[in-house]
Amino acid sequence: MEELTYEEASEKLNEIITKIESGTLSINEALKLIEQGKDLIKICYKNLDKAKGKLTEIKETLDKLEEI
């Protein structure tokens, strides 16, 4: 799966959830979407971890500036 932003992955995940909740999918279609959903969740976590790392860096920089 290509690199998606958090927002793109979240939107695609919501589309998958809507399709699964519709109850009109075959088992095979649902399983395929669940697998895609798992990959999208990984992308979301990866993006959130990146954001957390950047926020931590910013906080550390600000803390150093306050010491000056």
PDB file of N, CA and C in Angstrom:
ATOM      1  N   MET A   1       0.852  -1.182   0.000  1.00  0.00           N
ATOM      2  CA  MET A   1       0.000   0.000   0.000  1.00  0.00           C
ATOM      3  C   MET A   1       0.894   1.240   0.000  1.00  0.00           C
ATOM      4  N   GLU A   2       0.560   2.226  -0.846  1.00  0.00           N
ATOM      5  CA  GLU A   2       1.378   3.434  -0.941  1.00  0.00           C
ATOM      6  C   GLU A   2       1.330   4.221   0.358  1.00  0.00           C
ATOM      7  N   GLU A   3       2.307   5.102   0.510  1.00  0.00           N
ATOM      8  CA  GLU A   3       2.337   5.927   1.714  1.00  0.00           C
ATOM      9  C   GLU A   3       1.183   6.921   1.686  1.00  0.00           C
ATOM     10  N   LEU A   4       0.374   6.857   2.674  1.00  0.00           N
ATOM     11  CA  LEU A   4      -0.773   7.754   2.790  1.00  0.00           C
ATOM     12  C   LEU A   4      -0.576   8.655   3.989  1.00  0.00           C
ATOM     13  N   THR A   5      -1.210   9.804   3.959  1.00  0.00           N
ATOM     14  CA  THR A   5      -1.229  10.640   5.147  1.00  0.00           C
ATOM     15  C   THR A   5      -2.176  10.006   6.157  1.00  0.00           C
ATOM     16  N   TYR A   6      -2.118  10.485   7.372  1.00  0.00           N
ATOM     17  CA  TYR A   6      -3.033  10.000   8.407  1.00  0.00           C
ATOM     18  C   TYR A   6      -4.476  10.207   7.957  1.00  0.00           C
ATOM     19  N   GLU A   7      -4.740  11.400   7.424  1.00  0.00           N
ATOM     20  CA  GLU A   7      -6.094  11.741   7.017  1.00  0.00           C
ATOM     21  C   GLU A   7      -6.597  10.831   5.892  1.00  0.00           C
ATOM     22  N   GLU A   8      -5.741  10.566   4.914  1.00  0.00           N
ATOM     23  CA  GLU A   8      -6.125   9.692   3.801  1.00  0.00           C
ATOM     24  C   GLU A   8      -6.403   8.271   4.293  1.00  0.00           C
ATOM     25  N   ALA A   9      -5.518   7.757   5.133  1.00  0.00           N
ATOM     26  CA  ALA A   9      -5.686   6.399   5.660  1.00  0.00           C
ATOM     27  C   ALA A   9      -6.943   6.309   6.515  1.00  0.00           C
ATOM     28  N   SER A  10      -7.181   7.330   7.320  1.00  0.00           N
ATOM     29  CA  SER A  10      -8.362   7.346   8.181  1.00  0.00           C
ATOM     30  C   SER A  10      -9.641   7.386   7.350  1.00  0.00           C
ATOM     31  N   GLU A  11      -9.636   8.163   6.287  1.00  0.00           N
ATOM     32  CA  GLU A  11     -10.805   8.245   5.408  1.00  0.00           C
ATOM     33  C   GLU A  11     -11.083   6.900   4.742  1.00  0.00           C
ATOM     34  N   LYS A  12     -10.030   6.257   4.234  1.00  0.00           N
ATOM     35  CA  LYS A  12     -10.201   4.950   3.603  1.00  0.00           C
ATOM     36  C   LYS A  12     -10.682   3.911   4.616  1.00  0.00           C
ATOM     37  N   LEU A  13     -10.179   4.008   5.839  1.00  0.00           N
ATOM     38  CA  LEU A  13     -10.600   3.089   6.893  1.00  0.00           C
ATOM     39  C   LEU A  13     -12.081   3.279   7.205  1.00  0.00           C
ATOM     40  N   ASN A  14     -12.532   4.515   7.260  1.00  0.00           N
ATOM     41  CA  ASN A  14     -13.956   4.769   7.500  1.00  0.00           C
ATOM     42  C   ASN A  14     -14.827   4.232   6.366  1.00  0.00           C
ATOM     43  N   GLU A  15     -14.336   4.322   5.126  1.00  0.00           N
ATOM     44  CA  GLU A  15     -15.072   3.766   3.987  1.00  0.00           C
ATOM     45  C   GLU A  15     -15.199   2.245   4.123  1.00  0.00           C
ATOM     46  N   ILE A  16     -14.118   1.615   4.545  1.00  0.00           N
ATOM     47  CA  ILE A  16     -14.143   0.158   4.741  1.00  0.00           C
ATOM     48  C   ILE A  16     -15.132  -0.225   5.831  1.00  0.00           C
ATOM     49  N   ILE A  17     -15.113   0.522   6.922  1.00  0.00           N
ATOM     50  CA  ILE A  17     -16.028   0.237   8.031  1.00  0.00           C
ATOM     51  C   ILE A  17     -17.479   0.345   7.558  1.00  0.00           C
ATOM     52  N   THR A  18     -17.772   1.386   6.791  1.00  0.00           N
ATOM     53  CA  THR A  18     -19.128   1.574   6.269  1.00  0.00           C
ATOM     54  C   THR A  18     -19.543   0.407   5.387  1.00  0.00           C
ATOM     55  N   LYS A  19     -18.639  -0.048   4.523  1.00  0.00           N
ATOM     56  CA  LYS A  19     -18.948  -1.171   3.634  1.00  0.00           C
ATOM     57  C   LYS A  19     -19.207  -2.447   4.436  1.00  0.00           C
ATOM     58  N   ILE A  20     -18.369  -2.696   5.437  1.00  0.00           N
ATOM     59  CA  ILE A  20     -18.536  -3.915   6.244  1.00  0.00           C
ATOM     60  C   ILE A  20     -19.832  -3.854   7.041  1.00  0.00           C
ATOM     61  N   GLU A  21     -20.125  -2.666   7.596  1.00  0.00           N
ATOM     62  CA  GLU A  21     -21.342  -2.524   8.396  1.00  0.00           C
ATOM     63  C   GLU A  21     -22.610  -2.640   7.567  1.00  0.00           C
ATOM     64  N   SER A  22     -22.497  -2.455   6.253  1.00  0.00           N
ATOM     65  CA  SER A  22     -23.676  -2.547   5.391  1.00  0.00           C
ATOM     66  C   SER A  22     -24.262  -3.957   5.388  1.00  0.00           C
ATOM     67  N   GLY A  23     -23.416  -4.942   5.654  1.00  0.00           N
ATOM     68  CA  GLY A  23     -23.889  -6.324   5.714  1.00  0.00           C
ATOM     69  C   GLY A  23     -24.167  -6.946   4.356  1.00  0.00           C
ATOM     70  N   THR A  24     -23.746  -6.295   3.279  1.00  0.00           N
ATOM     71  CA  THR A  24     -24.039  -6.808   1.942  1.00  0.00           C
ATOM     72  C   THR A  24     -22.854  -7.506   1.298  1.00  0.00           C
ATOM     73  N   LEU A  25     -21.744  -7.599   1.997  1.00  0.00           N
ATOM     74  CA  LEU A  25     -20.538  -8.190   1.435  1.00  0.00           C
ATOM     75  C   LEU A  25     -20.509  -9.693   1.657  1.00  0.00           C
ATOM     76  N   SER A  26     -19.847 -10.381   0.739  1.00  0.00           N
ATOM     77  CA  SER A  26     -19.590 -11.799   0.966  1.00  0.00           C
ATOM     78  C   SER A  26     -18.484 -11.922   2.019  1.00  0.00           C
ATOM     79  N   ILE A  27     -18.325 -13.101   2.545  1.00  0.00           N
ATOM     80  CA  ILE A  27     -17.269 -13.338   3.530  1.00  0.00           C
ATOM     81  C   ILE A  27     -15.908 -12.992   2.936  1.00  0.00           C
ATOM     82  N   ASN A  28     -15.662 -13.415   1.703  1.00  0.00           N
ATOM     83  CA  ASN A  28     -14.369 -13.148   1.069  1.00  0.00           C
ATOM     84  C   ASN A  28     -14.114 -11.654   0.884  1.00  0.00           C
ATOM     85  N   GLU A  29     -15.148 -10.923   0.478  1.00  0.00           N
ATOM     86  CA  GLU A  29     -15.010  -9.474   0.317  1.00  0.00           C
ATOM     87  C   GLU A  29     -14.739  -8.813   1.664  1.00  0.00           C
ATOM     88  N   ALA A  30     -15.466  -9.245   2.688  1.00  0.00           N
ATOM     89  CA  ALA A  30     -15.275  -8.684   4.020  1.00  0.00           C
ATOM     90  C   ALA A  30     -13.869  -8.967   4.538  1.00  0.00           C
ATOM     91  N   LEU A  31     -13.395 -10.187   4.338  1.00  0.00           N
ATOM     92  CA  LEU A  31     -12.047 -10.533   4.792  1.00  0.00           C
ATOM     93  C   LEU A  31     -10.983  -9.701   4.083  1.00  0.00           C
ATOM     94  N   LYS A  32     -11.174  -9.482   2.790  1.00  0.00           N
ATOM     95  CA  LYS A  32     -10.244  -8.662   2.034  1.00  0.00           C
ATOM     96  C   LYS A  32     -10.221  -7.227   2.575  1.00  0.00           C
ATOM     97  N   LEU A  33     -11.396  -6.692   2.863  1.00  0.00           N
ATOM     98  CA  LEU A  33     -11.472  -5.338   3.410  1.00  0.00           C
ATOM     99  C   LEU A  33     -10.887  -5.255   4.820  1.00  0.00           C
ATOM    100  N   ILE A  34     -11.087  -6.297   5.600  1.00  0.00           N
ATOM    101  CA  ILE A  34     -10.514  -6.327   6.949  1.00  0.00           C
ATOM    102  C   ILE A  34      -8.991  -6.308   6.869  1.00  0.00           C
ATOM    103  N   GLU A  35      -8.433  -7.045   5.934  1.00  0.00           N
ATOM    104  CA  GLU A  35      -6.982  -7.061   5.734  1.00  0.00           C
ATOM    105  C   GLU A  35      -6.491  -5.673   5.322  1.00  0.00           C
ATOM    106  N   GLN A  36      -7.207  -5.022   4.423  1.00  0.00           N
ATOM    107  CA  GLN A  36      -6.845  -3.666   4.020  1.00  0.00           C
ATOM    108  C   GLN A  36      -6.949  -2.713   5.208  1.00  0.00           C
ATOM    109  N   GLY A  37      -7.982  -2.903   6.009  1.00  0.00           N
ATOM    110  CA  GLY A  37      -8.169  -2.077   7.202  1.00  0.00           C
ATOM    111  C   GLY A  37      -7.011  -2.219   8.171  1.00  0.00           C
ATOM    112  N   LYS A  38      -6.525  -3.440   8.328  1.00  0.00           N
ATOM    113  CA  LYS A  38      -5.376  -3.680   9.209  1.00  0.00           C
ATOM    114  C   LYS A  38      -4.169  -2.879   8.725  1.00  0.00           C
ATOM    115  N   ASP A  39      -3.934  -2.892   7.419  1.00  0.00           N
ATOM    116  CA  ASP A  39      -2.815  -2.139   6.854  1.00  0.00           C
ATOM    117  C   ASP A  39      -2.996  -0.632   7.043  1.00  0.00           C
ATOM    118  N   LEU A  40      -4.228  -0.164   6.907  1.00  0.00           N
ATOM    119  CA  LEU A  40      -4.505   1.260   7.095  1.00  0.00           C
ATOM    120  C   LEU A  40      -4.299   1.680   8.549  1.00  0.00           C
ATOM    121  N   ILE A  41      -4.671   0.810   9.468  1.00  0.00           N
ATOM    122  CA  ILE A  41      -4.453   1.096  10.894  1.00  0.00           C
ATOM    123  C   ILE A  41      -2.961   1.216  11.180  1.00  0.00           C
ATOM    124  N   LYS A  42      -2.158   0.350  10.572  1.00  0.00           N
ATOM    125  CA  LYS A  42      -0.707   0.429  10.744  1.00  0.00           C
ATOM    126  C   LYS A  42      -0.182   1.772  10.240  1.00  0.00           C
ATOM    127  N   ILE A  43      -0.699   2.218   9.099  1.00  0.00           N
ATOM    128  CA  ILE A  43      -0.281   3.511   8.546  1.00  0.00           C
ATOM    129  C   ILE A  43      -0.661   4.640   9.503  1.00  0.00           C
ATOM    130  N   CYS A  44      -1.863   4.575  10.057  1.00  0.00           N
ATOM    131  CA  CYS A  44      -2.299   5.599  11.013  1.00  0.00           C
ATOM    132  C   CYS A  44      -1.379   5.639  12.231  1.00  0.00           C
ATOM    133  N   TYR A  45      -1.070   4.469  12.798  1.00  0.00           N
ATOM    134  CA  TYR A  45      -0.175   4.424  13.954  1.00  0.00           C
ATOM    135  C   TYR A  45       1.213   4.952  13.606  1.00  0.00           C
ATOM    136  N   LYS A  46       1.705   4.603  12.425  1.00  0.00           N
ATOM    137  CA  LYS A  46       3.015   5.072  11.995  1.00  0.00           C
ATOM    138  C   LYS A  46       3.036   6.599  11.909  1.00  0.00           C
ATOM    139  N   ASN A  47       1.998   7.165  11.312  1.00  0.00           N
ATOM    140  CA  ASN A  47       1.917   8.624  11.199  1.00  0.00           C
ATOM    141  C   ASN A  47       1.771   9.294  12.561  1.00  0.00           C
ATOM    142  N   LEU A  48       1.001   8.683  13.448  1.00  0.00           N
ATOM    143  CA  LEU A  48       0.852   9.240  14.794  1.00  0.00           C
ATOM    144  C   LEU A  48       2.176   9.187  15.555  1.00  0.00           C
ATOM    145  N   ASP A  49       2.927   8.102  15.382  1.00  0.00           N
ATOM    146  CA  ASP A  49       4.238   8.000  16.031  1.00  0.00           C
ATOM    147  C   ASP A  49       5.191   9.071  15.523  1.00  0.00           C
ATOM    148  N   LYS A  50       5.156   9.333  14.202  1.00  0.00           N
ATOM    149  CA  LYS A  50       5.993  10.390  13.636  1.00  0.00           C
ATOM    150  C   LYS A  50       5.627  11.746  14.235  1.00  0.00           C
ATOM    151  N   ALA A  51       4.334  12.012  14.315  1.00  0.00           N
ATOM    152  CA  ALA A  51       3.865  13.279  14.865  1.00  0.00           C
ATOM    153  C   ALA A  51       4.282  13.412  16.330  1.00  0.00           C
ATOM    154  N   LYS A  52       4.163  12.326  17.068  1.00  0.00           N
ATOM    155  CA  LYS A  52       4.558  12.338  18.484  1.00  0.00           C
ATOM    156  C   LYS A  52       6.049  12.644  18.610  1.00  0.00           C
ATOM    157  N   GLY A  53       6.856  12.031  17.734  1.00  0.00           N
ATOM    158  CA  GLY A  53       8.298  12.283  17.761  1.00  0.00           C
ATOM    159  C   GLY A  53       8.622  13.740  17.473  1.00  0.00           C
ATOM    160  N   LYS A  54       7.947  14.323  16.485  1.00  0.00           N
ATOM    161  CA  LYS A  54       8.180  15.726  16.154  1.00  0.00           C
ATOM    162  C   LYS A  54       7.753  16.636  17.298  1.00  0.00           C
ATOM    163  N   LEU A  55       6.620  16.326  17.929  1.00  0.00           N
ATOM    164  CA  LEU A  55       6.170  17.133  19.060  1.00  0.00           C
ATOM    165  C   LEU A  55       7.147  17.051  20.230  1.00  0.00           C
ATOM    166  N   THR A  56       7.704  15.864  20.434  1.00  0.00           N
ATOM    167  CA  THR A  56       8.692  15.698  21.494  1.00  0.00           C
ATOM    168  C   THR A  56       9.927  16.544  21.209  1.00  0.00           C
ATOM    169  N   GLU A  57      10.384  16.539  19.944  1.00  0.00           N
ATOM    170  CA  GLU A  57      11.536  17.361  19.567  1.00  0.00           C
ATOM    171  C   GLU A  57      11.256  18.840  19.797  1.00  0.00           C
ATOM    172  N   ILE A  58      10.074  19.288  19.400  1.00  0.00           N
ATOM    173  CA  ILE A  58       9.711  20.695  19.580  1.00  0.00           C
ATOM    174  C   ILE A  58       9.680  21.057  21.054  1.00  0.00           C
ATOM    175  N   LYS A  59       9.090  20.181  21.861  1.00  0.00           N
ATOM    176  CA  LYS A  59       9.015  20.436  23.305  1.00  0.00           C
ATOM    177  C   LYS A  59      10.411  20.523  23.912  1.00  0.00           C
ATOM    178  N   GLU A  60      11.297  19.612  23.516  1.00  0.00           N
ATOM    179  CA  GLU A  60      12.661  19.630  24.045  1.00  0.00           C
ATOM    180  C   GLU A  60      13.385  20.918  23.641  1.00  0.00           C
ATOM    181  N   THR A  61      13.165  21.360  22.418  1.00  0.00           N
ATOM    182  CA  THR A  61      13.777  22.611  21.957  1.00  0.00           C
ATOM    183  C   THR A  61      13.240  23.784  22.756  1.00  0.00           C
ATOM    184  N   LEU A  62      11.935  23.816  22.973  1.00  0.00           N
ATOM    185  CA  LEU A  62      11.340  24.904  23.757  1.00  0.00           C
ATOM    186  C   LEU A  62      11.832  24.884  25.196  1.00  0.00           C
ATOM    187  N   ASP A  63      11.964  23.688  25.773  1.00  0.00           N
ATOM    188  CA  ASP A  63      12.466  23.568  27.143  1.00  0.00           C
ATOM    189  C   ASP A  63      13.879  24.129  27.231  1.00  0.00           C
ATOM    190  N   LYS A  64      14.704  23.862  26.220  1.00  0.00           N
ATOM    191  CA  LYS A  64      16.081  24.392  26.220  1.00  0.00           C
ATOM    192  C   LYS A  64      16.078  25.905  26.110  1.00  0.00           C
ATOM    193  N   LEU A  65      15.174  26.458  25.321  1.00  0.00           N
ATOM    194  CA  LEU A  65      15.091  27.904  25.180  1.00  0.00           C
ATOM    195  C   LEU A  65      14.667  28.578  26.485  1.00  0.00           C
ATOM    196  N   GLU A  66      13.806  27.910  27.246  1.00  0.00           N
ATOM    197  CA  GLU A  66      13.362  28.461  28.524  1.00  0.00           C
ATOM    198  C   GLU A  66      14.510  28.512  29.532  1.00  0.00           C
ATOM    199  N   GLU A  67      15.476  27.610  29.387  1.00  0.00           N
ATOM    200  CA  GLU A  67      16.609  27.572  30.306  1.00  0.00           C
ATOM    201  C   GLU A  67      17.574  28.731  30.067  1.00  0.00           C
ATOM    202  N   ILE A  68      17.524  29.289  28.859  1.00  0.00           N
ATOM    203  CA  ILE A  68      18.470  30.357  28.508  1.00  0.00           C
ATOM    204  C   ILE A  68      18.080  31.653  29.159  1.00  0.00           C
TER     205      ILE A  68
END
